[in-house]
Amino acid sequence: MKMPSTISGWCMWLFFLWFGVGSFVTLPFAATVSGVLALAYAVFALLGK
């Protein structure tokens, strides 16, 4: 398995990790952090970084 090489790739990995852990454990600000990571992925994917 290869680690992501772009910022958008990292945002996607962190989003799914945060969302997955949040399914089992109550995390503070879960919706806010998930929204920021999803938005960051969309912006960086469009910018190509």
PDB file of N, CA and C in Angstrom:
ATOM      1  N   MET A   1       0.835  -1.162   0.000  1.00  0.00           N
ATOM      2  CA  MET A   1       0.000   0.000   0.000  1.00  0.00           C
ATOM      3  C   MET A   1       0.889   1.237   0.000  1.00  0.00           C
ATOM      4  N   LYS A   2       0.532   2.209  -0.803  1.00  0.00           N
ATOM      5  CA  LYS A   2       1.326   3.421  -0.946  1.00  0.00           C
ATOM      6  C   LYS A   2       0.664   4.578  -0.206  1.00  0.00           C
ATOM      7  N   MET A   3       1.480   5.409   0.433  1.00  0.00           N
ATOM      8  CA  MET A   3       0.976   6.579   1.142  1.00  0.00           C
ATOM      9  C   MET A   3       0.616   7.660   0.124  1.00  0.00           C
ATOM     10  N   PRO A   4      -0.354   8.513   0.429  1.00  0.00           N
ATOM     11  CA  PRO A   4      -0.739   9.574  -0.501  1.00  0.00           C
ATOM     12  C   PRO A   4       0.415  10.557  -0.714  1.00  0.00           C
ATOM     13  N   SER A   5       0.508  11.078  -1.915  1.00  0.00           N
ATOM     14  CA  SER A   5       1.591  12.007  -2.224  1.00  0.00           C
ATOM     15  C   SER A   5       1.091  13.430  -2.425  1.00  0.00           C
ATOM     16  N   THR A   6      -0.208  13.652  -2.330  1.00  0.00           N
ATOM     17  CA  THR A   6      -0.761  14.988  -2.516  1.00  0.00           C
ATOM     18  C   THR A   6      -1.512  15.418  -1.260  1.00  0.00           C
ATOM     19  N   ILE A   7      -1.706  16.716  -1.118  1.00  0.00           N
ATOM     20  CA  ILE A   7      -2.460  17.233   0.020  1.00  0.00           C
ATOM     21  C   ILE A   7      -3.907  16.749  -0.040  1.00  0.00           C
ATOM     22  N   SER A   8      -4.480  16.724  -1.235  1.00  0.00           N
ATOM     23  CA  SER A   8      -5.864  16.255  -1.354  1.00  0.00           C
ATOM     24  C   SER A   8      -5.976  14.776  -0.974  1.00  0.00           C
ATOM     25  N   GLY A   9      -4.971  14.004  -1.309  1.00  0.00           N
ATOM     26  CA  GLY A   9      -4.962  12.593  -0.920  1.00  0.00           C
ATOM     27  C   GLY A   9      -4.927  12.415   0.591  1.00  0.00           C
ATOM     28  N   TRP A  10      -4.116  13.236   1.257  1.00  0.00           N
ATOM     29  CA  TRP A  10      -4.058  13.188   2.713  1.00  0.00           C
ATOM     30  C   TRP A  10      -5.382  13.601   3.330  1.00  0.00           C
ATOM     31  N   CYS A  11      -6.005  14.621   2.773  1.00  0.00           N
ATOM     32  CA  CYS A  11      -7.307  15.065   3.294  1.00  0.00           C
ATOM     33  C   CYS A  11      -8.349  13.964   3.160  1.00  0.00           C
ATOM     34  N   MET A  12      -8.311  13.250   2.043  1.00  0.00           N
ATOM     35  CA  MET A  12      -9.269  12.163   1.839  1.00  0.00           C
ATOM     36  C   MET A  12      -9.031  11.051   2.856  1.00  0.00           C
ATOM     37  N   TRP A  13      -7.767  10.650   3.046  1.00  0.00           N
ATOM     38  CA  TRP A  13      -7.439   9.603   4.014  1.00  0.00           C
ATOM     39  C   TRP A  13      -7.852  10.014   5.418  1.00  0.00           C
ATOM     40  N   LEU A  14      -7.558  11.256   5.804  1.00  0.00           N
ATOM     41  CA  LEU A  14      -7.910  11.730   7.137  1.00  0.00           C
ATOM     42  C   LEU A  14      -9.419  11.811   7.332  1.00  0.00           C
ATOM     43  N   PHE A  15     -10.146  12.201   6.273  1.00  0.00           N
ATOM     44  CA  PHE A  15     -11.610  12.243   6.356  1.00  0.00           C
ATOM     45  C   PHE A  15     -12.168  10.863   6.653  1.00  0.00           C
ATOM     46  N   PHE A  16     -11.755   9.860   5.884  1.00  0.00           N
ATOM     47  CA  PHE A  16     -12.295   8.514   6.089  1.00  0.00           C
ATOM     48  C   PHE A  16     -11.841   7.928   7.418  1.00  0.00           C
ATOM     49  N   LEU A  17     -10.628   8.222   7.856  1.00  0.00           N
ATOM     50  CA  LEU A  17     -10.161   7.763   9.158  1.00  0.00           C
ATOM     51  C   LEU A  17     -10.978   8.407  10.273  1.00  0.00           C
ATOM     52  N   TRP A  18     -11.168   9.720  10.197  1.00  0.00           N
ATOM     53  CA  TRP A  18     -11.950  10.449  11.205  1.00  0.00           C
ATOM     54  C   TRP A  18     -13.392   9.959  11.226  1.00  0.00           C
ATOM     55  N   PHE A  19     -13.985   9.787  10.045  1.00  0.00           N
ATOM     56  CA  PHE A  19     -15.377   9.339   9.950  1.00  0.00           C
ATOM     57  C   PHE A  19     -15.524   7.921  10.491  1.00  0.00           C
ATOM     58  N   GLY A  20     -14.576   7.058  10.160  1.00  0.00           N
ATOM     59  CA  GLY A  20     -14.627   5.673  10.623  1.00  0.00           C
ATOM     60  C   GLY A  20     -14.472   5.547  12.122  1.00  0.00           C
ATOM     61  N   VAL A  21     -13.507   6.273  12.688  1.00  0.00           N
ATOM     62  CA  VAL A  21     -13.320   6.234  14.139  1.00  0.00           C
ATOM     63  C   VAL A  21     -14.530   6.851  14.831  1.00  0.00           C
ATOM     64  N   GLY A  22     -15.097   7.903  14.236  1.00  0.00           N
ATOM     65  CA  GLY A  22     -16.269   8.551  14.814  1.00  0.00           C
ATOM     66  C   GLY A  22     -17.498   7.660  14.845  1.00  0.00           C
ATOM     67  N   SER A  23     -17.494   6.603  14.059  1.00  0.00           N
ATOM     68  CA  SER A  23     -18.619   5.665  14.082  1.00  0.00           C
ATOM     69  C   SER A  23     -18.634   4.829  15.360  1.00  0.00           C
ATOM     70  N   PHE A  24     -17.465   4.664  15.968  1.00  0.00           N
ATOM     71  CA  PHE A  24     -17.354   3.824  17.153  1.00  0.00           C
ATOM     72  C   PHE A  24     -17.146   4.621  18.437  1.00  0.00           C
ATOM     73  N   VAL A  25     -16.566   5.808  18.321  1.00  0.00           N
ATOM     74  CA  VAL A  25     -16.216   6.616  19.481  1.00  0.00           C
ATOM     75  C   VAL A  25     -16.822   8.000  19.303  1.00  0.00           C
ATOM     76  N   THR A  26     -17.360   8.549  20.367  1.00  0.00           N
ATOM     77  CA  THR A  26     -17.887   9.911  20.297  1.00  0.00           C
ATOM     78  C   THR A  26     -16.728  10.895  20.283  1.00  0.00           C
ATOM     79  N   LEU A  27     -16.622  11.641  19.201  1.00  0.00           N
ATOM     80  CA  LEU A  27     -15.537  12.609  19.057  1.00  0.00           C
ATOM     81  C   LEU A  27     -16.099  14.021  19.126  1.00  0.00           C
ATOM     82  N   PRO A  28     -15.408  14.898  19.856  1.00  0.00           N
ATOM     83  CA  PRO A  28     -15.875  16.286  19.897  1.00  0.00           C
ATOM     84  C   PRO A  28     -15.666  16.954  18.538  1.00  0.00           C
ATOM     85  N   PHE A  29     -16.593  17.766  18.139  1.00  0.00           N
ATOM     86  CA  PHE A  29     -16.517  18.510  16.875  1.00  0.00           C
ATOM     87  C   PHE A  29     -16.409  17.584  15.666  1.00  0.00           C
ATOM     88  N   ALA A  30     -16.998  16.398  15.728  1.00  0.00           N
ATOM     89  CA  ALA A  30     -16.882  15.425  14.644  1.00  0.00           C
ATOM     90  C   ALA A  30     -17.426  15.974  13.335  1.00  0.00           C
ATOM     91  N   ALA A  31     -18.579  16.612  13.365  1.00  0.00           N
ATOM     92  CA  ALA A  31     -19.175  17.136  12.133  1.00  0.00           C
ATOM     93  C   ALA A  31     -18.343  18.277  11.569  1.00  0.00           C
ATOM     94  N   THR A  32     -17.819  19.125  12.432  1.00  0.00           N
ATOM     95  CA  THR A  32     -17.014  20.261  11.977  1.00  0.00           C
ATOM     96  C   THR A  32     -15.722  19.797  11.312  1.00  0.00           C
ATOM     97  N   VAL A  33     -15.023  18.874  11.961  1.00  0.00           N
ATOM     98  CA  VAL A  33     -13.758  18.374  11.405  1.00  0.00           C
ATOM     99  C   VAL A  33     -14.011  17.621  10.109  1.00  0.00           C
ATOM    100  N   SER A  34     -15.064  16.821  10.059  1.00  0.00           N
ATOM    101  CA  SER A  34     -15.389  16.091   8.827  1.00  0.00           C
ATOM    102  C   SER A  34     -15.696  17.060   7.688  1.00  0.00           C
ATOM    103  N   GLY A  35     -16.436  18.112   7.989  1.00  0.00           N
ATOM    104  CA  GLY A  35     -16.751  19.113   6.970  1.00  0.00           C
ATOM    105  C   GLY A  35     -15.516  19.837   6.467  1.00  0.00           C
ATOM    106  N   VAL A  36     -14.622  20.190   7.361  1.00  0.00           N
ATOM    107  CA  VAL A  36     -13.383  20.879   6.963  1.00  0.00           C
ATOM    108  C   VAL A  36     -12.521  19.968   6.101  1.00  0.00           C
ATOM    109  N   LEU A  37     -12.384  18.714   6.484  1.00  0.00           N
ATOM    110  CA  LEU A  37     -11.578  17.784   5.689  1.00  0.00           C
ATOM    111  C   LEU A  37     -12.191  17.533   4.315  1.00  0.00           C
ATOM    112  N   ALA A  38     -13.515  17.422   4.241  1.00  0.00           N
ATOM    113  CA  ALA A  38     -14.175  17.219   2.955  1.00  0.00           C
ATOM    114  C   ALA A  38     -14.007  18.440   2.058  1.00  0.00           C
ATOM    115  N   LEU A  39     -14.156  19.622   2.641  1.00  0.00           N
ATOM    116  CA  LEU A  39     -13.967  20.855   1.875  1.00  0.00           C
ATOM    117  C   LEU A  39     -12.518  21.010   1.429  1.00  0.00           C
ATOM    118  N   ALA A  40     -11.586  20.687   2.299  1.00  0.00           N
ATOM    119  CA  ALA A  40     -10.166  20.765   1.939  1.00  0.00           C
ATOM    120  C   ALA A  40      -9.845  19.815   0.789  1.00  0.00           C
ATOM    121  N   TYR A  41     -10.404  18.605   0.838  1.00  0.00           N
ATOM    122  CA  TYR A  41     -10.177  17.667  -0.267  1.00  0.00           C
ATOM    123  C   TYR A  41     -10.698  18.241  -1.579  1.00  0.00           C
ATOM    124  N   ALA A  42     -11.906  18.786  -1.552  1.00  0.00           N
ATOM    125  CA  ALA A  42     -12.503  19.332  -2.783  1.00  0.00           C
ATOM    126  C   ALA A  42     -11.667  20.486  -3.333  1.00  0.00           C
ATOM    127  N   VAL A  43     -11.235  21.374  -2.465  1.00  0.00           N
ATOM    128  CA  VAL A  43     -10.453  22.536  -2.925  1.00  0.00           C
ATOM    129  C   VAL A  43      -9.107  22.095  -3.484  1.00  0.00           C
ATOM    130  N   PHE A  44      -8.390  21.253  -2.757  1.00  0.00           N
ATOM    131  CA  PHE A  44      -7.062  20.839  -3.217  1.00  0.00           C
ATOM    132  C   PHE A  44      -7.133  19.929  -4.445  1.00  0.00           C
ATOM    133  N   ALA A  45      -8.203  19.145  -4.567  1.00  0.00           N
ATOM    134  CA  ALA A  45      -8.363  18.325  -5.771  1.00  0.00           C
ATOM    135  C   ALA A  45      -8.587  19.197  -6.993  1.00  0.00           C
ATOM    136  N   LEU A  46      -9.374  20.259  -6.829  1.00  0.00           N
ATOM    137  CA  LEU A  46      -9.611  21.169  -7.940  1.00  0.00           C
ATOM    138  C   LEU A  46      -8.358  21.974  -8.302  1.00  0.00           C
ATOM    139  N   LEU A  47      -7.565  22.310  -7.288  1.00  0.00           N
ATOM    140  CA  LEU A  47      -6.337  23.062  -7.539  1.00  0.00           C
ATOM    141  C   LEU A  47      -5.229  22.154  -8.092  1.00  0.00           C
ATOM    142  N   GLY A  48      -5.354  20.858  -7.847  1.00  0.00           N
ATOM    143  CA  GLY A  48      -4.366  19.918  -8.351  1.00  0.00           C
ATOM    144  C   GLY A  48      -3.131  19.814  -7.479  1.00  0.00           C
ATOM    145  N   LYS A  49      -3.258  20.072  -6.191  1.00  0.00           N
ATOM    146  CA  LYS A  49      -2.114  19.996  -5.278  1.00  0.00           C
ATOM    147  C   LYS A  49      -2.106  18.679  -4.557  1.00  0.00           C
TER     148      LYS A  49
END
